[in-house]
Protein backbone atom coordinates (compact mmCIF):
# COMPACT_ATOMS: atom_id res chain seq x y z
CA UNK A 1 -38.34 18.20 -27.73
CA UNK A 2 -35.73 15.74 -28.32
CA UNK A 3 -36.47 12.25 -26.97
CA UNK A 4 -34.71 11.24 -23.89
CA UNK A 5 -31.92 8.42 -24.18
CA UNK A 6 -30.37 7.81 -20.61
CA UNK A 7 -32.54 6.64 -17.98
CA UNK A 8 -31.96 7.77 -14.39
CA UNK A 9 -31.79 5.05 -11.84
CA UNK A 10 -34.67 5.26 -9.32
CA UNK A 11 -34.74 4.64 -5.71
CA UNK A 12 -37.39 4.17 -2.92
CA UNK A 13 -37.73 7.59 -1.43
CA UNK A 14 -36.89 7.89 2.32
CA UNK A 15 -36.81 11.76 2.24
CA UNK A 16 -39.92 13.74 2.46
CA UNK A 17 -38.23 17.03 3.45
CA UNK A 18 -38.91 19.56 0.52
CA UNK A 19 -36.69 21.86 2.01
CA UNK A 20 -33.53 20.51 0.92
CA UNK A 21 -34.19 19.98 -2.93
CA UNK A 22 -33.72 22.66 -5.72
CA UNK A 23 -33.09 23.27 -9.29
CA UNK A 24 -30.11 24.07 -11.30
CA UNK A 25 -28.99 27.30 -12.63
CA UNK A 26 -30.10 25.93 -16.19
CA UNK A 27 -33.86 25.52 -14.95
CA UNK A 28 -33.75 28.99 -13.47
CA UNK A 29 -32.49 30.62 -16.55
CA UNK A 30 -34.96 28.81 -18.88
CA UNK A 31 -37.89 29.65 -16.96
CA UNK A 32 -39.80 32.77 -17.81
CA UNK A 33 -43.41 34.33 -17.43
CA UNK A 34 -45.88 33.17 -20.14
CA UNK A 35 -46.22 36.20 -22.58
CA UNK A 36 -49.79 37.62 -23.21
CA UNK A 37 -49.44 36.12 -26.71
CA UNK A 38 -49.29 32.67 -25.35
CA UNK A 39 -52.29 33.10 -23.43
CA UNK A 40 -54.32 34.49 -26.15
CA UNK A 41 -57.64 32.70 -26.97
CA UNK A 42 -57.09 30.57 -23.74
CA UNK A 43 -60.57 32.03 -22.34
CA UNK A 44 -62.30 29.51 -24.50
CA UNK A 45 -62.77 26.10 -23.02
CA UNK A 46 -61.35 23.10 -25.11
CA UNK A 47 -64.00 20.77 -26.87
CA UNK A 48 -62.32 17.83 -25.33
CA UNK A 49 -59.83 18.17 -22.50
CA UNK A 50 -57.51 15.16 -21.46
CA UNK A 51 -58.80 12.87 -18.70
CA UNK A 52 -57.22 12.19 -15.49
CA UNK A 53 -55.17 10.66 -14.18
CA UNK A 54 -52.02 12.15 -15.62
CA UNK A 55 -48.88 10.01 -14.99
CA UNK A 56 -45.32 11.20 -14.57
CA UNK A 57 -42.84 8.59 -15.29
CA UNK A 58 -39.32 7.64 -16.95
CA UNK A 59 -37.13 10.21 -15.50
CA UNK A 60 -34.24 10.56 -17.86
CA UNK A 61 -30.84 12.50 -17.49
CA UNK A 62 -30.11 14.58 -20.58
CA UNK A 63 -27.29 16.93 -21.42
CA UNK A 64 -27.49 20.44 -23.03
CA UNK A 65 -23.78 21.03 -23.36
CA UNK A 66 -21.52 23.10 -21.53
CA UNK A 67 -21.46 20.72 -18.65
CA UNK A 68 -25.16 21.32 -17.86
CA UNK A 69 -27.78 18.67 -17.45
CA UNK A 70 -31.34 18.26 -16.61
CA UNK A 71 -34.13 15.58 -15.81
CA UNK A 72 -36.80 14.97 -18.48
CA UNK A 73 -40.00 13.18 -17.64
CA UNK A 74 -42.64 11.49 -19.71
CA UNK A 75 -45.93 12.88 -19.02
CA UNK A 76 -48.70 10.45 -19.98
CA UNK A 77 -52.53 11.32 -20.56
CA UNK A 78 -55.55 10.19 -22.38
CA UNK A 79 -56.85 12.70 -24.95
CA UNK A 80 -59.81 11.76 -27.29
CA UNK A 81 -59.64 8.26 -26.25
CA UNK A 82 -55.83 8.13 -27.28
CA UNK A 83 -52.67 7.72 -25.03
CA UNK A 84 -50.38 10.81 -25.47
CA UNK A 85 -46.84 10.90 -24.05
CA UNK A 86 -44.89 14.08 -24.13
CA UNK A 87 -41.49 14.83 -22.53
CA UNK A 88 -41.13 17.61 -19.92
CA UNK A 89 -38.39 19.10 -17.82
CA UNK A 90 -39.15 20.81 -14.48
CA UNK A 91 -38.88 24.37 -16.08
CA UNK A 92 -41.84 23.29 -18.35
CA UNK A 93 -44.04 22.53 -15.19
CA UNK A 94 -42.91 26.05 -13.97
CA UNK A 95 -44.08 27.69 -17.40
CA UNK A 96 -47.46 25.95 -16.90
CA UNK A 97 -48.06 27.06 -13.56
CA UNK A 98 -46.97 30.77 -14.26
CA UNK A 99 -49.37 30.68 -16.99
CA UNK A 100 -52.48 29.25 -14.98
CA UNK A 101 -51.59 31.80 -12.13
CA UNK A 102 -51.70 34.68 -14.76
CA UNK A 103 -54.96 33.42 -16.10
CA UNK A 104 -56.68 32.20 -12.77
CA UNK A 105 -55.61 34.85 -10.16
CA UNK A 106 -58.74 34.09 -8.17
CA UNK A 107 -57.95 30.24 -8.02
CA UNK A 108 -55.78 28.08 -5.79
CA UNK A 109 -53.07 27.16 -8.54
CA UNK A 110 -51.54 23.68 -7.24
CA UNK A 111 -47.92 24.11 -5.89
CA UNK A 112 -44.94 22.58 -7.54
CA UNK A 113 -42.51 20.58 -5.61
CA UNK A 114 -39.53 22.65 -4.38
CA UNK A 115 -36.14 23.03 -6.25
CA UNK A 116 -32.77 21.68 -5.06
CA UNK A 117 -29.25 22.84 -5.13
CA UNK A 118 -27.44 19.41 -4.58
CA UNK A 119 -28.59 15.96 -5.20
CA UNK A 120 -31.01 16.71 -7.87
CA UNK A 121 -29.85 13.84 -9.98
CA UNK A 122 -30.30 11.28 -7.06
CA UNK A 123 -32.78 8.60 -7.13
CA UNK A 124 -34.49 9.52 -4.00
CA UNK A 125 -34.79 13.21 -4.96
CA UNK A 126 -35.97 12.11 -8.43
CA UNK A 127 -38.75 9.72 -7.23
CA UNK A 128 -39.90 12.43 -4.79
CA UNK A 129 -40.15 15.09 -7.33
CA UNK A 130 -42.07 12.99 -9.71
CA UNK A 131 -44.70 12.22 -7.17
CA UNK A 132 -44.92 16.10 -6.49
CA UNK A 133 -45.14 16.67 -10.12
CA UNK A 134 -48.00 14.02 -10.66
CA UNK A 135 -49.71 15.82 -7.71
CA UNK A 136 -49.54 19.09 -9.42
CA UNK A 137 -50.83 17.72 -12.81
CA UNK A 138 -53.64 15.63 -11.02
CA UNK A 139 -54.93 18.69 -9.17
CA UNK A 140 -55.03 20.59 -12.24
CA UNK A 141 -57.01 17.83 -14.23
CA UNK A 142 -59.61 17.77 -11.05
CA UNK A 143 -60.10 21.50 -11.29
CA UNK A 144 -63.40 22.42 -13.22
CA UNK A 145 -61.74 25.58 -15.20
CA UNK A 146 -58.17 24.90 -15.40
CA UNK A 147 -58.37 21.41 -16.90
CA UNK A 148 -60.38 23.08 -19.90
CA UNK A 149 -57.72 25.85 -20.45
CA UNK A 150 -55.81 25.55 -23.73
CA UNK A 151 -52.38 26.07 -22.12
CA UNK A 152 -53.04 22.90 -20.30
CA UNK A 153 -53.80 21.02 -23.30
CA UNK A 154 -50.76 22.30 -25.12
CA UNK A 155 -48.56 21.28 -22.10
CA UNK A 156 -50.00 17.75 -22.24
CA UNK A 157 -50.51 17.08 -25.96
CA UNK A 158 -47.81 19.22 -27.79
CA UNK A 159 -44.16 17.68 -27.94
CA UNK A 160 -42.77 21.25 -28.56
CA UNK A 161 -43.84 24.04 -26.18
CA UNK A 162 -43.67 27.87 -27.08
CA UNK A 163 -40.32 29.67 -26.58
CA UNK A 164 -40.25 31.21 -23.09
CA UNK A 165 -39.52 34.86 -22.32
CA UNK A 166 -36.37 34.29 -20.47
CA UNK A 167 -35.79 37.94 -19.56
CA UNK A 168 -37.45 37.72 -15.98
CA UNK A 169 -38.40 34.61 -14.32
CA UNK A 170 -41.47 34.16 -12.00
CA UNK A 171 -39.55 34.59 -8.83
CA UNK A 172 -37.93 37.65 -10.34
CA UNK A 173 -41.24 39.05 -11.16
CA UNK A 174 -42.47 38.69 -7.74
CA UNK A 175 -39.21 40.27 -6.25
CA UNK A 176 -39.92 43.20 -8.60
CA UNK A 177 -43.47 43.48 -7.73
CA UNK A 178 -42.50 43.59 -4.05
CA UNK A 179 -40.32 46.21 -4.67
CA UNK A 180 -43.19 48.30 -6.14
CA UNK A 181 -45.30 47.78 -3.01
CA UNK A 182 -45.36 50.26 0.01
CA UNK A 183 -43.46 53.51 -0.40
CA UNK A 184 -42.48 52.51 -4.06
CA UNK A 185 -46.19 51.99 -4.94
CA UNK A 186 -47.04 55.18 -3.40
CA UNK A 187 -44.62 57.21 -5.58
CA UNK A 188 -45.57 55.46 -8.78
CA UNK A 189 -49.39 55.95 -8.03
CA UNK A 190 -50.29 59.39 -6.89
CA UNK A 191 -53.64 58.04 -5.51
CA UNK A 192 -52.08 55.30 -3.48
CA UNK A 193 -51.47 57.52 -0.25
CA UNK A 194 -54.80 59.25 -0.28
CA UNK A 195 -57.94 58.10 1.98
CA UNK A 196 -59.83 55.40 0.39
CA UNK A 197 -63.15 56.18 -1.43
CA UNK A 198 -64.54 52.83 -0.74
CA UNK A 199 -65.81 51.32 2.75
CA UNK A 200 -64.90 48.01 3.72
CA UNK A 201 -67.58 45.38 2.70
CA UNK A 202 -68.54 42.03 4.32
CA UNK A 203 -66.62 40.22 1.45
CA UNK A 204 -63.59 42.18 2.48
CA UNK A 205 -63.68 41.23 6.01
CA UNK A 206 -64.58 37.76 5.01
CA UNK A 207 -61.34 37.57 2.82
CA UNK A 208 -59.35 38.96 5.64
CA UNK A 209 -60.45 36.08 7.83
CA UNK A 210 -59.59 33.79 5.07
CA UNK A 211 -56.11 35.26 4.86
CA UNK A 212 -55.60 35.15 8.55
CA UNK A 213 -56.53 31.45 8.64
CA UNK A 214 -54.15 30.85 5.89
CA UNK A 215 -51.39 32.31 7.76
CA UNK A 216 -52.15 30.29 11.17
CA UNK A 217 -52.53 26.97 9.15
CA UNK A 218 -48.98 27.64 7.22
CA UNK A 219 -47.42 28.11 10.60
CA UNK A 220 -48.88 25.10 12.32
CA UNK A 221 -48.12 22.82 9.19
CA UNK A 222 -44.69 23.97 8.82
CA UNK A 223 -44.14 23.27 12.57
CA UNK A 224 -45.61 19.76 12.17
CA UNK A 225 -43.92 19.00 9.16
CA UNK A 226 -40.59 19.88 10.73
CA UNK A 227 -41.58 17.97 13.79
CA UNK A 228 -42.46 14.72 11.78
CA UNK A 229 -39.46 15.05 9.64
CA UNK A 230 -37.20 15.34 12.73
CA UNK A 231 -39.23 12.33 14.38
CA UNK A 232 -38.11 10.24 11.14
CA UNK A 233 -34.84 11.44 11.27
CA UNK A 234 -34.56 10.29 14.81
CA UNK A 235 -36.15 6.97 14.19
CA UNK A 236 -33.71 6.16 11.26
CA UNK A 237 -30.81 6.50 13.83
CA UNK A 238 -32.91 4.06 16.14
CA UNK A 239 -33.00 1.75 13.35
CA UNK A 240 -28.97 1.68 13.07
CA UNK A 241 -28.99 1.36 16.85
CA UNK A 242 -31.32 -1.77 16.88
CA UNK A 243 -29.12 -3.31 14.07
CA UNK A 244 -25.76 -2.69 15.97
CA UNK A 245 -27.24 -3.94 19.25
CA UNK A 246 -28.47 -7.22 17.49
CA UNK A 247 -25.03 -7.81 15.92
CA UNK A 248 -23.55 -7.42 19.35
CA UNK A 249 -25.96 -9.63 21.23
CA UNK A 250 -25.51 -12.29 18.65
CA UNK A 251 -21.65 -12.30 19.18
CA UNK A 252 -22.26 -12.29 22.84
CA UNK A 253 -24.45 -15.54 22.48
CA UNK A 254 -21.37 -17.14 20.54
CA UNK A 255 -19.07 -16.26 23.39
CA UNK A 256 -21.37 -17.84 25.98
CA UNK A 257 -21.74 -21.07 23.78
CA UNK A 258 -17.84 -21.22 23.51
CA UNK A 259 -17.79 -21.07 27.30
CA UNK A 260 -20.21 -24.09 27.50
CA UNK A 261 -23.26 -21.84 28.43
CA UNK A 262 -25.12 -23.18 25.21
CA UNK A 263 -28.56 -22.49 26.67
CA UNK A 264 -27.84 -18.92 27.68
CA UNK A 265 -25.92 -18.32 24.58
CA UNK A 266 -28.82 -19.39 22.66
CA UNK A 267 -31.10 -16.96 24.50
CA UNK A 268 -28.74 -14.11 23.85
CA UNK A 269 -28.81 -14.91 20.16
CA UNK A 270 -32.37 -14.83 20.09
CA UNK A 271 -32.59 -11.37 21.75
CA UNK A 272 -30.10 -10.26 18.98
CA UNK A 273 -32.12 -11.52 16.28
CA UNK A 274 -35.31 -9.81 17.91
CA UNK A 275 -33.23 -6.64 17.70
CA UNK A 276 -32.55 -7.16 14.15
CA UNK A 277 -36.59 -7.38 13.63
CA UNK A 278 -36.85 -4.22 15.83
CA UNK A 279 -34.50 -2.67 13.26
CA UNK A 280 -36.39 -3.86 10.22
CA UNK A 281 -39.78 -2.85 11.72
CA UNK A 282 -38.31 0.78 12.55
CA UNK A 283 -37.13 1.00 9.04
CA UNK A 284 -40.43 0.21 7.66
CA UNK A 285 -41.95 2.77 10.12
CA UNK A 286 -39.57 5.44 8.55
CA UNK A 287 -40.29 4.67 5.13
CA UNK A 288 -44.04 4.78 5.68
CA UNK A 289 -43.84 7.84 7.65
CA UNK A 290 -41.87 9.88 5.23
CA UNK A 291 -43.94 8.87 2.15
CA UNK A 292 -47.48 8.98 3.79
CA UNK A 293 -46.90 11.81 6.30
CA UNK A 294 -43.68 14.17 6.15
CA UNK A 295 -44.10 14.42 2.14
CA UNK A 296 -47.95 15.06 2.29
CA UNK A 297 -47.26 17.72 5.01
CA UNK A 298 -44.73 19.65 3.10
CA UNK A 299 -47.16 19.49 -0.04
CA UNK A 300 -49.87 21.04 2.16
CA UNK A 301 -47.67 23.61 3.29
CA UNK A 302 -46.88 24.67 -0.35
CA UNK A 303 -50.62 24.44 -1.03
CA UNK A 304 -51.53 26.92 1.83
CA UNK A 305 -48.81 29.35 0.26
CA UNK A 306 -50.96 28.97 -2.98
CA UNK A 307 -54.05 30.03 -0.85
CA UNK A 308 -52.11 33.10 0.44
CA UNK A 309 -51.03 33.88 -3.37
CA UNK A 310 -54.61 33.99 -4.18
CA UNK A 311 -55.54 36.18 -1.37
CA UNK A 312 -52.62 38.36 -2.35
CA UNK A 313 -54.21 38.58 -5.92
CA UNK A 314 -57.50 39.91 -4.57
CA UNK A 315 -55.55 42.58 -2.44
CA UNK A 316 -54.10 43.82 -5.49
CA UNK A 317 -57.35 43.93 -7.39
CA UNK A 318 -58.97 45.69 -4.33
CA UNK A 319 -56.11 48.35 -4.31
CA UNK A 320 -56.74 48.80 -8.17
CA UNK A 321 -60.25 49.47 -7.50
CA UNK A 322 -59.59 52.06 -4.92
CA UNK A 323 -57.01 53.65 -6.89
CA UNK A 324 -59.86 53.93 -9.85
CA UNK A 325 -62.36 55.39 -7.22
CA UNK A 326 -59.75 58.10 -6.15
CA UNK A 327 -59.27 58.93 -9.77
CA UNK A 328 -62.77 59.06 -10.52
CA UNK A 329 -63.43 61.41 -7.59
CA UNK A 330 -60.71 63.74 -8.90
CA UNK A 331 -62.26 63.49 -12.34
CA UNK A 332 -65.63 64.34 -11.22
CA UNK A 333 -64.51 67.33 -9.05
CA UNK A 334 -62.69 68.69 -12.22
CA UNK A 335 -65.96 68.41 -14.15
CA UNK A 336 -67.88 70.42 -11.48
CA UNK A 337 -65.29 73.21 -11.59
CA UNK A 338 -66.02 73.70 -15.23
CA UNK A 339 -69.68 73.50 -14.92
CA UNK A 340 -70.12 70.27 -16.73
CA UNK A 341 -69.41 72.08 -19.90
CA UNK A 342 -65.78 71.11 -20.86
CA UNK A 343 -65.96 68.01 -23.36
CA UNK A 344 -62.53 66.61 -22.45
CA UNK A 345 -63.28 66.76 -18.64
CA UNK A 346 -66.77 64.97 -19.15
CA UNK A 347 -65.11 62.32 -21.42
CA UNK A 348 -62.48 61.86 -18.70
CA UNK A 349 -65.01 61.29 -15.97
CA UNK A 350 -66.76 58.82 -18.13
CA UNK A 351 -63.68 56.95 -18.78
CA UNK A 352 -62.85 56.81 -15.05
CA UNK A 353 -66.53 55.39 -14.32
CA UNK A 354 -66.04 52.83 -16.84
CA UNK A 355 -62.62 51.91 -15.40
CA UNK A 356 -64.35 51.68 -11.83
CA UNK A 357 -66.98 49.45 -13.33
CA UNK A 358 -64.48 47.29 -14.79
CA UNK A 359 -62.28 46.88 -11.54
CA UNK A 360 -65.37 46.47 -9.50
CA UNK A 361 -66.47 43.51 -11.67
CA UNK A 362 -63.03 41.79 -11.80
CA UNK A 363 -62.98 42.21 -7.80
CA UNK A 364 -66.53 40.53 -7.62
CA UNK A 365 -65.80 37.94 -9.90
CA UNK A 366 -62.38 37.12 -8.18
CA UNK A 367 -64.40 37.06 -4.64
CA UNK A 368 -66.88 34.73 -5.80
CA UNK A 369 -64.26 32.39 -7.15
CA UNK A 370 -62.36 32.55 -4.08
CA UNK A 371 -65.15 31.62 -1.80
CA UNK A 372 -65.75 28.54 -4.02
CA UNK A 373 -61.91 27.67 -3.88
CA UNK A 374 -61.67 28.22 -0.34
CA UNK A 375 -64.69 25.95 0.50
CA UNK A 376 -63.44 22.95 -1.88
CA UNK A 377 -59.79 23.51 -0.21
CA UNK A 378 -61.35 23.09 3.26
CA UNK A 379 -63.16 19.71 2.04
CA UNK A 380 -60.30 18.42 0.50
CA UNK A 381 -57.99 19.19 3.35
CA UNK A 382 -60.28 17.35 5.99
CA UNK A 383 -60.41 14.30 3.75
CA UNK A 384 -56.65 14.27 2.94
CA UNK A 385 -55.71 14.74 6.75
CA UNK A 386 -58.27 12.02 7.77
CA UNK A 387 -56.61 9.78 5.47
CA UNK A 388 -53.19 10.59 6.36
CA UNK A 389 -53.52 10.43 10.17
CA UNK A 390 -55.40 7.34 10.13
CA UNK A 391 -52.78 5.75 8.03
CA UNK A 392 -50.23 6.95 10.51
CA UNK A 393 -52.24 5.73 13.55
CA UNK A 394 -52.81 2.26 11.93
CA UNK A 395 -48.98 2.07 11.25
CA UNK A 396 -48.08 2.78 14.67
CA UNK A 397 -50.40 0.36 15.94
CA UNK A 398 -49.26 -2.45 13.50
CA UNK A 399 -45.71 -1.57 14.53
CA UNK A 400 -46.40 -1.92 18.33
CA UNK A 401 -48.06 -5.13 17.63
CA UNK A 402 -45.19 -6.68 15.85
CA UNK A 403 -42.61 -5.48 18.49
CA UNK A 404 -44.76 -6.95 21.48
CA UNK A 405 -45.26 -10.25 19.65
CA UNK A 406 -41.55 -10.56 18.79
CA UNK A 407 -40.41 -9.58 22.46
CA UNK A 408 -43.07 -11.82 23.99
CA UNK A 409 -41.87 -14.85 21.86
CA UNK A 410 -38.27 -14.23 23.26
CA UNK A 411 -39.61 -13.96 26.78
CA UNK A 412 -41.51 -17.13 26.54
CA UNK A 413 -38.52 -19.13 25.40
CA UNK A 414 -36.34 -17.58 28.21
CA UNK A 415 -38.89 -18.70 30.83
CA UNK A 416 -39.19 -22.19 29.37
CA UNK A 417 -35.32 -22.38 29.77
CA UNK A 418 -35.19 -20.96 33.13
């Protein structure tokens, strides 16, 4: 990959609302599902995987001609005791995630920060995206299986990634899959509309509960994220109001001094300065909330969506098993009709039985992985939420203390001059 040459000026992030940002047409067009060839050989763990943490830095704006530009990032990791720097754009991260989704259907593949339609070169958005990409790579490197996958090693250590299949993006593939569900799936699969040959198991019920919990959690977190963002937005307006009030009181104090009311004018000026302090305090509170509450909440909304994707993968595996069972039932019936003498019917029945065993094994393996993944997710969520909300409460307490101290100081001066 060509080395970047134009640094993007960063800025302290004040936005934590992942609903606004997006990506360019170029990034969409360049992103494609990993091919089976790219994933070949990825079942064997690498001998020495890069160690965490992975750092994302140095956002650089690059042009690819025809008026189209993108941001490239430096991805730094340690491999075999050596520091490795590679340059990646957002679509490279999408490629990696699609590869992991394909390879690990029974795992929670970490989410990427959302795309943007406008403002994707602005410092605030770039800084926010970098943090999201760093969370993505860090979660991968903390995952026992994903961190050992050769695709991850290739992403972190090789300057040039394989050419992508650009005929269909991951989003397009999902849309195409959704079109094949329901009636479309029933038309393509002659067994899909027939009664199931498999009774519901305890694992099925447990997974249904997991999926229902994920849906409830997604709804609550989405609402909480929206409320926290609205609160920060409101407090940002309050910051401006405090600043304006401070200016007005300071000016009013000057007027009183000019009218030979020096003591009263001085008190008004003090109140004006206190309003300025309130403005600074409120701005710090907004910055803290956006960075440590609003943005993490949005990240968790996306992470819960990844849980739902994992559960959808199990549903697909379960449906595949049911289809195989129905096919097996038909093949056995055909064999019985021919008295067990027809070689072709017997071979078909044996093949259908083998397919059932393969799909049952796939489902069992996926279910085992899901149970482990969900248990880990719940532990991590509890720890993350505890840190997140403790920081939020402490920040609010500190803000209230600073405000009280400032106003008490002004009140004391007023009483002394009374």
